[in-house]
Structure formats: structure tokens, C-alpha cells
Amino acid sequence: MNVVRTAALWIGLAAVAPGLAACGSSRAVTDVPANRPAPSHDSPQSTSAARLAAIRQAAARIARHVNVDVTLPDPLPSGARLGRQPVHLSGSGADASGQLDLVMPGGTLLSLLYGNTGFDGCGDPAHVRSVRIGGRPGLLGYERLGGHMRSQVVWPATAPRPQGDYGLAGILAPDRALALARSMRPKRGPTSASASPGC
């Protein structure tokens, strides 16, 4: 399983739900500060537009690092904003991966994963089932941890090969995670060029 990128996810989850994070990373993950526009005291529409612009800017940084199209959920969940260190980059070439952390209303973390991605290195989720995302196979994993429902989606992926080009994870219901994943439509199909599974 891919430990690198998702170690950052567990670190983020620790801030949101203490006691859930327990993993470390065997490779370095680069945290990239976001270029954020100055806070605005304008209308809610202009504040929302500024948040969206900042999120798109962070996604563009990931796009320059990975070998897959970087796409966001459409529509982006209302009120989503960048986390403190929203961009995490690791690997290069076929092993390149990127993670974009968004803070949702209520303070929960939604991580969008691009490139060489899979379920985190802290063990597989308690429940995993096969799903279809954009006509491609995928895996939906979920479990209840510390009173929170935690869900992960990886695609294209199958049970024998649980690595994919895209993923998302966070404290959210499985059906919501799957809906967000299905709304992320790359301009070109996933490459399935992810490295072979392994920790």
C-alpha cells in the first residue's frame, strides 16, 4: 500500500479527530505552502470566488508534479477552503503523487489524491467494496473511527490491485465520498500508470 501520501492524510486527521492518526512515513513528503489571496471582507460571493481561486491555484501546483489530470469535485463542496499546508508532493515520474487538503465546514478534512495513490498504510478500511467511477473500476473503503465515519475512494483500482491514479479520503459518509469521486471528471482518462503496490 502507498504510505507516503496518505501519511499526510493521517497527520491531517489527527488535527481534526485526535487519536485517529497512528502511521509514519518511510519517504519524505513535501508540504508546499499555498499562494493564497489576501482575506477579503467583501460579499460572500467574492469570498467564495477567492477561496475557489486559491484552491484552483493549489491544484495547479499538483498538476505540474503528477502525470494525471488534476480535477476537483464539481461542484466543490460549499464552504471548502484550503488547509494550513494544503499541498503535499512526493515521488517522481510514475511514482509521483500529490495531495490537496481541503477543510470543510465544521473543520473536517477532505484529501484529494492524484498520481500513485491507494488506501493508506495504516491497514485497509474495515469495509471495502467495488464501485464504478466514470466507467472505471474503483474501491470504496469505510469504517467508523472514534465516533466518525471515515471513507476512502481509490480509482481505477480493483481488489487484486488496490492502487490507482485518483483517490479521496475524509471524515464523511461512504455515499458522499463516492458522489464526490464521481464528480471528479478528468479531461483525459486515468493513466493507470501507477507503480505496483507495496509499502
C-alpha atoms as a PDB file:
ATOM      1  CA  MET A   1       0.000   0.000   0.000  1.00  0.00           C
ATOM      2  CA  ASN A   2       1.115   3.571  -0.527  1.00  0.00           C
ATOM      3  CA  VAL A   3       2.233   5.007   2.803  1.00  0.00           C
ATOM      4  CA  VAL A   4       3.841   8.221   1.589  1.00  0.00           C
ATOM      5  CA  ARG A   5       0.977  10.396   0.531  1.00  0.00           C
ATOM      6  CA  THR A   6      -1.547   9.088   2.974  1.00  0.00           C
ATOM      7  CA  ALA A   7       0.716   9.583   5.972  1.00  0.00           C
ATOM      8  CA  ALA A   8      -0.019  13.274   5.467  1.00  0.00           C
ATOM      9  CA  LEU A   9      -3.741  12.428   5.449  1.00  0.00           C
ATOM     10  CA  TRP A  10      -3.439  10.765   8.854  1.00  0.00           C
ATOM     11  CA  ILE A  11      -1.479  13.739  10.162  1.00  0.00           C
ATOM     12  CA  GLY A  12      -4.308  16.000   8.992  1.00  0.00           C
ATOM     13  CA  LEU A  13      -6.902  13.688  10.514  1.00  0.00           C
ATOM     14  CA  ALA A  14      -5.042  13.829  13.823  1.00  0.00           C
ATOM     15  CA  ALA A  15      -5.655  17.569  13.913  1.00  0.00           C
ATOM     16  CA  VAL A  16      -9.358  17.063  13.199  1.00  0.00           C
ATOM     17  CA  ALA A  17     -10.022  13.894  15.202  1.00  0.00           C
ATOM     18  CA  PRO A  18      -7.216  13.258  17.711  1.00  0.00           C
ATOM     19  CA  GLY A  19      -6.380   9.623  18.256  1.00  0.00           C
ATOM     20  CA  LEU A  20      -7.096   8.524  14.671  1.00  0.00           C
ATOM     21  CA  ALA A  21      -3.570   9.003  13.352  1.00  0.00           C
ATOM     22  CA  ALA A  22      -1.026   6.307  14.058  1.00  0.00           C
ATOM     23  CA  CYS A  23       1.170   5.956  10.990  1.00  0.00           C
ATOM     24  CA  GLY A  24       4.505   7.325   9.942  1.00  0.00           C
ATOM     25  CA  SER A  25       6.073   7.664   6.536  1.00  0.00           C
ATOM     26  CA  SER A  26       9.063   5.882   5.069  1.00  0.00           C
ATOM     27  CA  ARG A  27       9.650   8.596   2.427  1.00  0.00           C
ATOM     28  CA  ALA A  28       9.691  12.331   2.682  1.00  0.00           C
ATOM     29  CA  VAL A  29       6.574  14.243   1.737  1.00  0.00           C
ATOM     30  CA  THR A  30       6.978  17.828   0.620  1.00  0.00           C
ATOM     31  CA  ASP A  31       4.476  20.261   2.083  1.00  0.00           C
ATOM     32  CA  VAL A  32       4.007  23.199  -0.230  1.00  0.00           C
ATOM     33  CA  PRO A  33       2.570  26.417   1.212  1.00  0.00           C
ATOM     34  CA  ALA A  34      -0.371  27.732  -0.754  1.00  0.00           C
ATOM     35  CA  ASN A  35      -0.338  31.056  -2.531  1.00  0.00           C
ATOM     36  CA  ARG A  36      -3.500  32.484  -1.091  1.00  0.00           C
ATOM     37  CA  PRO A  37      -5.168  35.758  -1.941  1.00  0.00           C
ATOM     38  CA  ALA A  38      -5.392  38.271   0.896  1.00  0.00           C
ATOM     39  CA  PRO A  39      -8.524  37.845   3.019  1.00  0.00           C
ATOM     40  CA  SER A  40     -11.472  39.751   1.705  1.00  0.00           C
ATOM     41  CA  HIS A  41     -14.183  41.475   3.695  1.00  0.00           C
ATOM     42  CA  ASP A  42     -16.381  41.766   0.619  1.00  0.00           C
ATOM     43  CA  SER A  43     -19.600  39.967  -0.145  1.00  0.00           C
ATOM     44  CA  PRO A  44     -19.935  36.215   0.467  1.00  0.00           C
ATOM     45  CA  GLN A  45     -19.837  35.713  -3.329  1.00  0.00           C
ATOM     46  CA  SER A  46     -16.432  37.387  -3.678  1.00  0.00           C
ATOM     47  CA  THR A  47     -15.110  35.477  -0.640  1.00  0.00           C
ATOM     48  CA  SER A  48     -16.317  32.233  -2.213  1.00  0.00           C
ATOM     49  CA  ALA A  49     -14.691  33.206  -5.525  1.00  0.00           C
ATOM     50  CA  ALA A  50     -11.403  33.956  -3.730  1.00  0.00           C
ATOM     51  CA  ARG A  51     -11.493  30.549  -1.963  1.00  0.00           C
ATOM     52  CA  LEU A  52     -12.157  28.793  -5.275  1.00  0.00           C
ATOM     53  CA  ALA A  53      -9.310  30.686  -6.976  1.00  0.00           C
ATOM     54  CA  ALA A  54      -6.912  29.687  -4.169  1.00  0.00           C
ATOM     55  CA  ILE A  55      -8.000  26.031  -4.401  1.00  0.00           C
ATOM     56  CA  ARG A  56      -7.523  26.026  -8.177  1.00  0.00           C
ATOM     57  CA  GLN A  57      -4.071  27.587  -7.746  1.00  0.00           C
ATOM     58  CA  ALA A  58      -3.069  24.843  -5.293  1.00  0.00           C
ATOM     59  CA  ALA A  59      -4.424  22.175  -7.671  1.00  0.00           C
ATOM     60  CA  ALA A  60      -2.311  23.665 -10.488  1.00  0.00           C
ATOM     61  CA  ARG A  61       0.806  23.160  -8.344  1.00  0.00           C
ATOM     62  CA  ILE A  62      -0.040  19.475  -8.017  1.00  0.00           C
ATOM     63  CA  ALA A  63      -0.749  19.233 -11.761  1.00  0.00           C
ATOM     64  CA  ARG A  64       2.815  20.305 -12.507  1.00  0.00           C
ATOM     65  CA  HIS A  65       4.107  17.388 -10.401  1.00  0.00           C
ATOM     66  CA  VAL A  66       1.909  14.394 -11.324  1.00  0.00           C
ATOM     67  CA  ASN A  67       1.225  12.511 -14.563  1.00  0.00           C
ATOM     68  CA  VAL A  68      -2.583  12.625 -14.428  1.00  0.00           C
ATOM     69  CA  ASP A  69      -5.159  15.352 -14.938  1.00  0.00           C
ATOM     70  CA  VAL A  70      -5.844  17.178 -11.696  1.00  0.00           C
ATOM     71  CA  THR A  71      -9.548  17.768 -11.381  1.00  0.00           C
ATOM     72  CA  LEU A  72     -11.685  18.932  -8.477  1.00  0.00           C
ATOM     73  CA  PRO A  73     -15.111  17.727  -7.349  1.00  0.00           C
ATOM     74  CA  ASP A  74     -17.780  19.517  -9.356  1.00  0.00           C
ATOM     75  CA  PRO A  75     -19.392  21.246  -7.671  1.00  0.00           C
ATOM     76  CA  LEU A  76     -16.820  21.808  -4.966  1.00  0.00           C
ATOM     77  CA  PRO A  77     -18.450  21.348  -1.542  1.00  0.00           C
ATOM     78  CA  SER A  78     -19.837  24.667  -0.330  1.00  0.00           C
ATOM     79  CA  GLY A  79     -17.546  26.451   2.113  1.00  0.00           C
ATOM     80  CA  ALA A  80     -14.477  24.316   1.314  1.00  0.00           C
ATOM     81  CA  ARG A  81     -11.194  26.122   1.898  1.00  0.00           C
ATOM     82  CA  LEU A  82      -7.506  25.280   1.812  1.00  0.00           C
ATOM     83  CA  GLY A  83      -5.922  23.653   4.834  1.00  0.00           C
ATOM     84  CA  ARG A  84      -2.905  25.187   6.568  1.00  0.00           C
ATOM     85  CA  GLN A  85      -0.408  23.174   4.433  1.00  0.00           C
ATOM     86  CA  PRO A  86      -2.769  22.132   1.631  1.00  0.00           C
ATOM     87  CA  VAL A  87      -0.352  20.648  -0.916  1.00  0.00           C
ATOM     88  CA  HIS A  88       1.754  17.538  -0.340  1.00  0.00           C
ATOM     89  CA  LEU A  89       4.028  16.222  -3.112  1.00  0.00           C
ATOM     90  CA  SER A  90       6.072  13.031  -3.201  1.00  0.00           C
ATOM     91  CA  GLY A  91       7.898  10.795  -5.651  1.00  0.00           C
ATOM     92  CA  SER A  92       8.706  11.496  -9.273  1.00  0.00           C
ATOM     93  CA  GLY A  93       7.923  10.029 -12.684  1.00  0.00           C
ATOM     94  CA  ALA A  94       5.493   7.091 -12.441  1.00  0.00           C
ATOM     95  CA  ASP A  95       5.712   7.281  -8.625  1.00  0.00           C
ATOM     96  CA  ALA A  96       4.755  10.981  -8.457  1.00  0.00           C
ATOM     97  CA  SER A  97       1.816  11.788  -6.251  1.00  0.00           C
ATOM     98  CA  GLY A  98       0.110  14.852  -4.895  1.00  0.00           C
ATOM     99  CA  GLN A  99      -2.434  15.517  -2.198  1.00  0.00           C
ATOM    100  CA  LEU A 100      -4.692  18.538  -1.818  1.00  0.00           C
ATOM    101  CA  ASP A 101      -6.167  19.025   1.659  1.00  0.00           C
ATOM    102  CA  LEU A 102      -9.386  20.978   1.956  1.00  0.00           C
ATOM    103  CA  VAL A 103     -11.033  21.985   5.208  1.00  0.00           C
ATOM    104  CA  MET A 104     -14.775  21.507   5.058  1.00  0.00           C
ATOM    105  CA  PRO A 105     -17.390  23.438   7.043  1.00  0.00           C
ATOM    106  CA  GLY A 106     -17.241  22.084  10.573  1.00  0.00           C
ATOM    107  CA  GLY A 107     -13.464  21.669  10.365  1.00  0.00           C
ATOM    108  CA  THR A 108     -13.248  18.181   8.865  1.00  0.00           C
ATOM    109  CA  LEU A 109     -10.546  17.405   6.310  1.00  0.00           C
ATOM    110  CA  LEU A 110     -11.138  16.226   2.734  1.00  0.00           C
ATOM    111  CA  SER A 111      -7.995  14.990   0.968  1.00  0.00           C
ATOM    112  CA  LEU A 112      -7.920  14.722  -2.830  1.00  0.00           C
ATOM    113  CA  LEU A 113      -5.190  12.391  -4.109  1.00  0.00           C
ATOM    114  CA  TYR A 114      -3.562  12.370  -7.546  1.00  0.00           C
ATOM    115  CA  GLY A 115      -0.952  10.146  -9.180  1.00  0.00           C
ATOM    116  CA  ASN A 116       0.289   6.998  -7.455  1.00  0.00           C
ATOM    117  CA  THR A 117      -2.451   6.537  -4.871  1.00  0.00           C
ATOM    118  CA  GLY A 118      -4.015   3.803  -2.760  1.00  0.00           C
ATOM    119  CA  PHE A 119      -5.515   3.105   0.636  1.00  0.00           C
ATOM    120  CA  ASP A 120      -3.389   4.452   3.469  1.00  0.00           C
ATOM    121  CA  GLY A 121      -0.628   2.467   5.101  1.00  0.00           C
ATOM    122  CA  CYS A 122      -2.442   2.067   8.428  1.00  0.00           C
ATOM    123  CA  GLY A 123      -4.284  -1.051   7.293  1.00  0.00           C
ATOM    124  CA  ASP A 124      -7.182  -1.466   4.956  1.00  0.00           C
ATOM    125  CA  PRO A 125     -10.538   0.024   5.915  1.00  0.00           C
ATOM    126  CA  ALA A 126     -12.904  -2.338   7.747  1.00  0.00           C
ATOM    127  CA  HIS A 127     -15.332  -2.397   4.812  1.00  0.00           C
ATOM    128  CA  VAL A 128     -14.236  -2.326   1.155  1.00  0.00           C
ATOM    129  CA  ARG A 129     -16.454  -2.768  -1.880  1.00  0.00           C
ATOM    130  CA  SER A 130     -16.031  -2.498  -5.616  1.00  0.00           C
ATOM    131  CA  VAL A 131     -17.617   0.531  -7.310  1.00  0.00           C
ATOM    132  CA  ARG A 132     -17.675   2.174 -10.744  1.00  0.00           C
ATOM    133  CA  ILE A 133     -16.392   5.709 -11.266  1.00  0.00           C
ATOM    134  CA  GLY A 134     -16.596   7.244 -14.719  1.00  0.00           C
ATOM    135  CA  GLY A 135     -16.925   3.785 -16.268  1.00  0.00           C
ATOM    136  CA  ARG A 136     -13.765   2.565 -14.498  1.00  0.00           C
ATOM    137  CA  PRO A 137     -13.436   0.148 -11.560  1.00  0.00           C
ATOM    138  CA  GLY A 138     -12.756   1.587  -8.144  1.00  0.00           C
ATOM    139  CA  LEU A 139     -12.725   0.705  -4.466  1.00  0.00           C
ATOM    140  CA  LEU A 140     -14.712   2.353  -1.689  1.00  0.00           C
ATOM    141  CA  GLY A 141     -13.450   1.764   1.836  1.00  0.00           C
ATOM    142  CA  TYR A 142     -15.082   2.974   5.017  1.00  0.00           C
ATOM    143  CA  GLU A 143     -15.042   2.454   8.756  1.00  0.00           C
ATOM    144  CA  ARG A 144     -16.170   4.115  11.937  1.00  0.00           C
ATOM    145  CA  LEU A 145     -13.274   5.502  13.978  1.00  0.00           C
ATOM    146  CA  GLY A 146     -13.691   7.396  17.218  1.00  0.00           C
ATOM    147  CA  GLY A 147     -17.325   8.206  16.529  1.00  0.00           C
ATOM    148  CA  HIS A 148     -16.570   9.440  12.991  1.00  0.00           C
ATOM    149  CA  MET A 149     -17.286   7.734   9.666  1.00  0.00           C
ATOM    150  CA  ARG A 150     -14.074   7.748   7.612  1.00  0.00           C
ATOM    151  CA  SER A 151     -14.294   6.928   3.900  1.00  0.00           C
ATOM    152  CA  GLN A 152     -11.732   6.473   1.126  1.00  0.00           C
ATOM    153  CA  VAL A 153     -12.166   6.003  -2.614  1.00  0.00           C
ATOM    154  CA  VAL A 154      -9.395   4.867  -4.998  1.00  0.00           C
ATOM    155  CA  TRP A 155      -9.762   4.551  -8.792  1.00  0.00           C
ATOM    156  CA  PRO A 156      -9.143   2.987 -11.217  1.00  0.00           C
ATOM    157  CA  ALA A 157      -8.448   0.099  -8.836  1.00  0.00           C
ATOM    158  CA  THR A 158      -9.542  -3.446  -8.104  1.00  0.00           C
ATOM    159  CA  ALA A 159      -9.230  -5.717  -5.061  1.00  0.00           C
ATOM    160  CA  PRO A 160      -6.206  -7.552  -6.527  1.00  0.00           C
ATOM    161  CA  ARG A 161      -4.593  -4.197  -7.426  1.00  0.00           C
ATOM    162  CA  PRO A 162      -5.760  -1.548  -4.928  1.00  0.00           C
ATOM    163  CA  GLN A 163      -3.625   1.229  -6.454  1.00  0.00           C
ATOM    164  CA  GLY A 164      -4.987   3.912  -8.753  1.00  0.00           C
ATOM    165  CA  ASP A 165      -4.457   7.333 -10.260  1.00  0.00           C
ATOM    166  CA  TYR A 166      -7.045   9.114  -8.120  1.00  0.00           C
ATOM    167  CA  GLY A 167      -8.313   8.986  -4.576  1.00  0.00           C
ATOM    168  CA  LEU A 168     -10.124  10.928  -1.943  1.00  0.00           C
ATOM    169  CA  ALA A 169     -10.457  10.441   1.780  1.00  0.00           C
ATOM    170  CA  GLY A 170     -12.011  12.135   4.720  1.00  0.00           C
ATOM    171  CA  ILE A 171     -14.451  12.114   7.577  1.00  0.00           C
ATOM    172  CA  LEU A 172     -17.611  11.657   5.526  1.00  0.00           C
ATOM    173  CA  ALA A 173     -20.283   9.077   4.738  1.00  0.00           C
ATOM    174  CA  PRO A 174     -19.433   6.458   2.092  1.00  0.00           C
ATOM    175  CA  ASP A 175     -22.187   7.617  -0.287  1.00  0.00           C
ATOM    176  CA  ARG A 176     -20.934  11.219  -0.051  1.00  0.00           C
ATOM    177  CA  ALA A 177     -17.341  10.117  -0.735  1.00  0.00           C
ATOM    178  CA  LEU A 178     -18.483   8.144  -3.777  1.00  0.00           C
ATOM    179  CA  ALA A 179     -20.561  11.075  -5.088  1.00  0.00           C
ATOM    180  CA  LEU A 180     -17.558  13.416  -4.767  1.00  0.00           C
ATOM    181  CA  ALA A 181     -15.295  10.918  -6.546  1.00  0.00           C
ATOM    182  CA  ARG A 182     -17.789  10.506  -9.395  1.00  0.00           C
ATOM    183  CA  SER A 183     -17.955  14.280  -9.822  1.00  0.00           C
ATOM    184  CA  MET A 184     -14.189  14.478 -10.488  1.00  0.00           C
ATOM    185  CA  ARG A 185     -14.005  14.064 -14.256  1.00  0.00           C
ATOM    186  CA  PRO A 186     -10.525  14.225 -15.783  1.00  0.00           C
ATOM    187  CA  LYS A 187     -10.262  15.678 -19.294  1.00  0.00           C
ATOM    188  CA  ARG A 188      -8.391  12.557 -20.336  1.00  0.00           C
ATOM    189  CA  GLY A 189      -8.898   9.157 -18.749  1.00  0.00           C
ATOM    190  CA  PRO A 190      -6.759   7.942 -15.872  1.00  0.00           C
ATOM    191  CA  THR A 191      -3.418   6.511 -16.996  1.00  0.00           C
ATOM    192  CA  SER A 192      -3.335   3.509 -14.671  1.00  0.00           C
ATOM    193  CA  ALA A 193       0.431   4.046 -14.763  1.00  0.00           C
ATOM    194  CA  SER A 194       0.716   3.888 -11.002  1.00  0.00           C
ATOM    195  CA  ALA A 195       3.593   1.901  -9.614  1.00  0.00           C
ATOM    196  CA  SER A 196       2.962  -1.605  -8.415  1.00  0.00           C
ATOM    197  CA  PRO A 197       1.515  -1.915  -4.926  1.00  0.00           C
ATOM    198  CA  GLY A 198       3.877  -2.017  -1.989  1.00  0.00           C
ATOM    199  CA  CYS A 199       4.723  -0.227   1.209  1.00  0.00           C
END
